[in-house]
Amino acid sequence: MKIAAWNVNSIKARLEPALAWLKQAQPDVVALQEIKCVDENFPAEPFEALGYNCAVHGQKTYNGVAILSKFPLEDVTPRLPGGETDDHSRYLEAVVTGKKGALRVGCLYAPNGNPVGTEKFTYKLGWLERLYTHASELLRNEEPVALLGDYNIIPQDRDCYDPKAWTKDALFQPQSRSALRKLEYLGYSDAFRMHNRAGGHYTFWDYQAGSWRRNAGIRIDHILLSPQAADRLGACDIDKHVRGEGEKPSDHVPIWAQIDI
């Protein structure tokens, strides 16, 4: 089963690039972030025409997540537990069953958190703590789990082109990086790092200052796997070429993993 995560930065603006990539890459399950539309305005028909089932947890203008799957989607659950007053659409979970078992997929779009020192950063850390609590609960089921999407966290120096340029950014704060490490200490594995230890591999390039041309990127989109899923990991890579294709590419590119499910 090939699973992928992609922050499309508006599904309406990026519909054609998304369809083109799906036809080329042929993922079985895709977690989309920042779709920026309400549920009823999500363009499901073109994806259904390609054989995908769609689950959507949208929000007008901002945020929004969706899961596309060539397998039936079961136990579809929106929202991250613990945030009764949180109206941001940032998390969607579902179970997909392949030929060799089931995989629980958590599609997430973590808060950016900038500027540091404001309520936005406090919200980011609180949201990540809720993710930690939920991720811990999921491990109790001892089932294959993939938590994938835009974490808005740069894990290490090797995951950004210029660490000094990010020292004051919420994505690179010690508290943010610690939140990601806590998930790994729980038992989740960074799928990309299981196959590639080198620096210089990114999933995001800003639209400004020629970032793409200079390869001045950061790695903030991740696939974290429970032990039961990590044991079945066959490959993981970043489709960097997508950033240089089309007239209006997203500032993120897809990251994907092959899991024997």
Foldseek 3Di string as FASTA:
>chain_A
DKEKEWAFQACVVCVVLVLVVCVVVVGAKYKYKFNQPQPVPPPCVSLVVVQWDKDWHHDHRTIIMMMTHNFDWAPKDWDQPDCPPDPHGFWIWTWGADPPGIEIEIRGDAQQQPPPPDVSVVRRLVVLVSVLVVLLVVVVVVAKYKYWYFSLAFQDPLQFPHVVVCDRGSNYDPSSNVSVVSSVVSAWDFQQCVPDVGGLAAFFFDPPDCRLVVSGHGHRTTIIIHPNFSVFWDDKDWPSCSQVDDDDGDRGTMIMTDGDD
